[in-house]
N, C-alpha and C. Protein backbone atom coordinates (compact mmCIF):
# COMPACT_ATOMS: atom_id res chain seq x y z
N MET A 1 24.33 -13.14 105.82
CA MET A 1 22.92 -12.89 106.05
C MET A 1 22.58 -11.48 105.60
N ASN A 2 21.52 -11.33 104.83
CA ASN A 2 21.09 -10.03 104.35
C ASN A 2 20.16 -9.38 105.35
N ASN A 3 20.46 -8.15 105.72
CA ASN A 3 19.59 -7.41 106.62
C ASN A 3 18.85 -6.37 105.79
N ASN A 4 17.57 -6.62 105.56
CA ASN A 4 16.79 -5.71 104.72
C ASN A 4 16.11 -4.62 105.53
N SER A 5 16.29 -4.59 106.84
CA SER A 5 15.62 -3.57 107.65
C SER A 5 16.13 -2.17 107.35
N ASN A 6 17.37 -2.05 106.87
CA ASN A 6 17.92 -0.74 106.54
C ASN A 6 17.72 -0.38 105.07
N HIS A 7 17.17 -1.30 104.30
CA HIS A 7 16.97 -1.07 102.87
C HIS A 7 15.68 -0.28 102.66
N LYS A 8 15.79 0.86 102.04
CA LYS A 8 14.62 1.68 101.75
C LYS A 8 14.08 1.32 100.38
N ARG A 9 12.80 1.05 100.30
CA ARG A 9 12.18 0.68 99.04
C ARG A 9 12.02 1.93 98.18
N LEU A 10 12.45 1.85 96.94
CA LEU A 10 12.33 2.98 96.03
C LEU A 10 11.01 2.89 95.29
N TYR A 11 10.29 3.98 95.24
CA TYR A 11 9.02 4.02 94.53
C TYR A 11 9.21 4.82 93.26
N ARG A 12 8.77 4.26 92.17
CA ARG A 12 8.87 4.94 90.90
C ARG A 12 7.49 4.95 90.28
N MET A 13 6.96 6.15 90.12
CA MET A 13 5.63 6.31 89.55
C MET A 13 5.61 5.84 88.10
N LEU A 14 4.49 5.29 87.69
CA LEU A 14 4.35 4.88 86.30
C LEU A 14 4.41 6.12 85.40
N SER A 15 5.10 6.00 84.31
CA SER A 15 5.21 7.11 83.37
C SER A 15 3.98 7.13 82.46
N PRO A 16 3.74 8.26 81.81
CA PRO A 16 2.63 8.31 80.85
C PRO A 16 2.78 7.25 79.74
N GLU A 17 4.02 6.98 79.34
CA GLU A 17 4.25 5.97 78.30
C GLU A 17 3.88 4.57 78.80
N GLU A 18 4.21 4.26 80.07
CA GLU A 18 3.85 2.96 80.62
C GLU A 18 2.33 2.83 80.73
N ARG A 19 1.66 3.91 81.10
CA ARG A 19 0.21 3.88 81.16
C ARG A 19 -0.40 3.68 79.78
N GLU A 20 0.21 4.25 78.75
CA GLU A 20 -0.23 4.03 77.37
C GLU A 20 -0.11 2.55 77.02
N GLU A 21 1.00 1.94 77.41
CA GLU A 21 1.22 0.52 77.13
C GLU A 21 0.17 -0.34 77.84
N ILE A 22 -0.18 0.03 79.07
CA ILE A 22 -1.23 -0.70 79.80
C ILE A 22 -2.54 -0.57 79.04
N MET A 23 -2.89 0.64 78.62
CA MET A 23 -4.13 0.88 77.91
C MET A 23 -4.18 0.07 76.61
N ILE A 24 -3.11 0.10 75.85
CA ILE A 24 -3.05 -0.64 74.59
C ILE A 24 -3.19 -2.14 74.85
N GLY A 25 -2.46 -2.63 75.87
CA GLY A 25 -2.55 -4.05 76.21
C GLY A 25 -3.95 -4.48 76.60
N LEU A 26 -4.62 -3.66 77.40
CA LEU A 26 -5.97 -3.99 77.81
C LEU A 26 -6.93 -3.99 76.61
N ARG A 27 -6.77 -3.02 75.73
CA ARG A 27 -7.64 -2.95 74.55
C ARG A 27 -7.41 -4.11 73.59
N GLN A 28 -6.19 -4.64 73.61
CA GLN A 28 -5.89 -5.80 72.76
C GLN A 28 -6.17 -7.11 73.50
N ARG A 29 -6.78 -6.98 74.68
CA ARG A 29 -7.16 -8.12 75.52
C ARG A 29 -5.97 -8.97 75.95
N GLU A 30 -4.82 -8.31 76.19
CA GLU A 30 -3.66 -9.01 76.73
C GLU A 30 -3.91 -9.30 78.20
N SER A 31 -3.27 -10.32 78.70
CA SER A 31 -3.38 -10.62 80.12
C SER A 31 -2.52 -9.62 80.91
N ILE A 32 -2.85 -9.48 82.19
CA ILE A 32 -2.04 -8.61 83.06
C ILE A 32 -0.61 -9.14 83.10
N ARG A 33 -0.46 -10.45 83.09
CA ARG A 33 0.87 -11.05 83.10
C ARG A 33 1.69 -10.60 81.89
N ALA A 34 1.09 -10.60 80.71
CA ALA A 34 1.80 -10.18 79.50
C ALA A 34 2.20 -8.71 79.60
N ILE A 35 1.31 -7.90 80.17
CA ILE A 35 1.58 -6.47 80.29
C ILE A 35 2.72 -6.23 81.27
N PHE A 36 2.67 -6.86 82.46
CA PHE A 36 3.73 -6.58 83.45
C PHE A 36 5.07 -7.14 82.99
N GLU A 37 5.07 -8.26 82.29
CA GLU A 37 6.34 -8.80 81.79
C GLU A 37 6.94 -7.86 80.74
N ARG A 38 6.09 -7.32 79.87
CA ARG A 38 6.57 -6.41 78.84
C ARG A 38 7.13 -5.12 79.43
N LEU A 39 6.47 -4.61 80.49
CA LEU A 39 6.91 -3.35 81.10
C LEU A 39 8.02 -3.53 82.13
N GLY A 40 8.26 -4.76 82.56
CA GLY A 40 9.28 -5.00 83.57
C GLY A 40 8.85 -4.50 84.94
N ARG A 41 7.57 -4.54 85.21
CA ARG A 41 7.01 -4.11 86.49
C ARG A 41 6.41 -5.30 87.20
N ASN A 42 6.17 -5.14 88.49
CA ASN A 42 5.55 -6.18 89.29
C ASN A 42 4.07 -6.29 88.91
N GLN A 43 3.54 -7.50 88.98
CA GLN A 43 2.15 -7.73 88.63
C GLN A 43 1.21 -6.91 89.50
N SER A 44 1.53 -6.78 90.79
CA SER A 44 0.65 -6.03 91.69
C SER A 44 0.60 -4.55 91.33
N VAL A 45 1.69 -4.01 90.80
CA VAL A 45 1.71 -2.60 90.38
C VAL A 45 0.71 -2.38 89.25
N ILE A 46 0.71 -3.29 88.30
CA ILE A 46 -0.17 -3.16 87.14
C ILE A 46 -1.62 -3.35 87.55
N SER A 47 -1.91 -4.37 88.36
CA SER A 47 -3.31 -4.60 88.74
C SER A 47 -3.84 -3.48 89.63
N ARG A 48 -3.01 -2.95 90.54
CA ARG A 48 -3.46 -1.81 91.37
C ARG A 48 -3.72 -0.59 90.49
N GLU A 49 -2.85 -0.36 89.52
CA GLU A 49 -3.00 0.77 88.61
C GLU A 49 -4.34 0.68 87.87
N ILE A 50 -4.66 -0.48 87.38
CA ILE A 50 -5.91 -0.67 86.64
C ILE A 50 -7.11 -0.46 87.56
N LYS A 51 -7.06 -1.02 88.76
CA LYS A 51 -8.19 -0.88 89.69
C LYS A 51 -8.38 0.57 90.13
N LYS A 52 -7.29 1.24 90.47
CA LYS A 52 -7.38 2.62 90.98
C LYS A 52 -7.78 3.63 89.93
N ASN A 53 -7.35 3.43 88.71
CA ASN A 53 -7.48 4.47 87.70
C ASN A 53 -8.40 4.13 86.54
N SER A 54 -9.23 3.11 86.70
CA SER A 54 -10.22 2.82 85.67
C SER A 54 -11.42 3.73 85.87
N THR A 55 -12.13 3.99 84.79
CA THR A 55 -13.32 4.84 84.87
C THR A 55 -14.46 4.04 85.48
N GLU A 56 -15.58 4.73 85.72
CA GLU A 56 -16.73 4.08 86.33
C GLU A 56 -17.27 2.93 85.47
N ASP A 57 -17.12 3.03 84.17
CA ASP A 57 -17.58 1.96 83.30
C ASP A 57 -16.47 0.95 82.99
N SER A 58 -15.46 0.90 83.89
CA SER A 58 -14.36 -0.08 83.85
C SER A 58 -13.43 0.06 82.65
N ARG A 59 -13.36 1.24 82.07
CA ARG A 59 -12.41 1.47 80.98
C ARG A 59 -11.16 2.12 81.56
N TYR A 60 -10.03 1.77 81.02
CA TYR A 60 -8.76 2.35 81.45
C TYR A 60 -8.27 3.27 80.35
N GLN A 61 -8.10 4.54 80.68
CA GLN A 61 -7.58 5.51 79.71
C GLN A 61 -6.33 6.14 80.30
N ALA A 62 -5.24 6.04 79.57
CA ALA A 62 -3.93 6.44 80.07
C ALA A 62 -3.88 7.90 80.51
N PHE A 63 -4.41 8.81 79.72
CA PHE A 63 -4.33 10.23 80.06
C PHE A 63 -5.03 10.51 81.38
N TRP A 64 -6.26 10.00 81.54
CA TRP A 64 -7.01 10.25 82.77
C TRP A 64 -6.38 9.53 83.95
N ALA A 65 -5.83 8.35 83.71
CA ALA A 65 -5.17 7.61 84.78
C ALA A 65 -3.97 8.40 85.30
N HIS A 66 -3.19 8.96 84.40
CA HIS A 66 -2.01 9.73 84.82
C HIS A 66 -2.43 11.01 85.56
N THR A 67 -3.47 11.66 85.06
CA THR A 67 -3.97 12.88 85.71
C THR A 67 -4.45 12.58 87.13
N ARG A 68 -5.26 11.52 87.28
CA ARG A 68 -5.77 11.15 88.61
C ARG A 68 -4.65 10.79 89.56
N SER A 69 -3.71 10.00 89.07
CA SER A 69 -2.59 9.56 89.91
C SER A 69 -1.75 10.74 90.38
N THR A 70 -1.45 11.65 89.47
CA THR A 70 -0.65 12.83 89.81
C THR A 70 -1.39 13.70 90.83
N LYS A 71 -2.69 13.85 90.66
CA LYS A 71 -3.49 14.66 91.58
C LYS A 71 -3.48 14.04 92.98
N ARG A 72 -3.68 12.71 93.06
CA ARG A 72 -3.65 12.03 94.36
C ARG A 72 -2.29 12.18 95.04
N ARG A 73 -1.24 12.07 94.25
CA ARG A 73 0.11 12.17 94.81
C ARG A 73 0.36 13.58 95.37
N LYS A 74 -0.08 14.61 94.64
CA LYS A 74 0.08 15.99 95.12
C LYS A 74 -0.72 16.22 96.39
N GLU A 75 -1.95 15.71 96.43
CA GLU A 75 -2.79 15.86 97.63
C GLU A 75 -2.15 15.17 98.83
N SER A 76 -1.57 14.02 98.60
CA SER A 76 -0.90 13.29 99.67
C SER A 76 0.28 14.08 100.22
N ARG A 77 1.05 14.69 99.34
CA ARG A 77 2.20 15.50 99.77
C ARG A 77 1.74 16.71 100.58
N CYS A 78 0.62 17.32 100.18
CA CYS A 78 0.10 18.47 100.91
C CYS A 78 -0.32 18.07 102.31
N ARG A 79 -0.98 16.92 102.44
CA ARG A 79 -1.40 16.45 103.77
C ARG A 79 -0.21 16.17 104.66
N GLU A 80 0.88 15.69 104.09
CA GLU A 80 2.08 15.41 104.88
C GLU A 80 2.69 16.70 105.42
N ARG A 81 2.59 17.78 104.68
CA ARG A 81 3.18 19.05 105.09
C ARG A 81 2.35 19.79 106.12
N ILE A 82 1.06 19.60 106.11
CA ILE A 82 0.17 20.32 107.02
C ILE A 82 0.15 19.59 108.35
N PRO A 83 0.59 20.26 109.43
CA PRO A 83 0.60 19.58 110.74
C PRO A 83 -0.85 19.33 111.22
N ASN A 84 -1.01 18.23 111.88
CA ASN A 84 -2.30 17.85 112.41
C ASN A 84 -2.60 18.70 113.64
N LYS A 85 -3.75 19.37 113.68
CA LYS A 85 -4.09 20.25 114.80
C LYS A 85 -4.33 19.46 116.09
N ASP A 86 -4.66 18.18 115.98
CA ASP A 86 -4.99 17.37 117.14
C ASP A 86 -3.75 16.89 117.89
N THR A 87 -2.58 16.93 117.26
CA THR A 87 -1.39 16.43 117.93
C THR A 87 -0.83 17.49 118.87
N LYS A 88 -0.39 17.02 120.04
CA LYS A 88 0.19 17.92 121.03
C LYS A 88 1.67 18.12 120.73
N ARG A 89 2.17 19.28 121.05
CA ARG A 89 3.57 19.57 120.82
C ARG A 89 4.37 19.31 122.05
């Protein structure tokens, strides 16, 4: 019997090259399925990436997507380091 409770899920951020591949695939009107199969990523990773990092006019641009993602990740790390003033010690 496999016990997955001790298994830690590894997170690997999309690389700029993978984001380029997503952008190219979308511009060539490839399906999300074709894109995730080509990149070897889960379908949900690709669809979340497109939803989170598309521009207001629904265009996906790799450079801006990577910039936004990196900024969000840095902000998240900063929030983790700053102790919450409301918590009691």
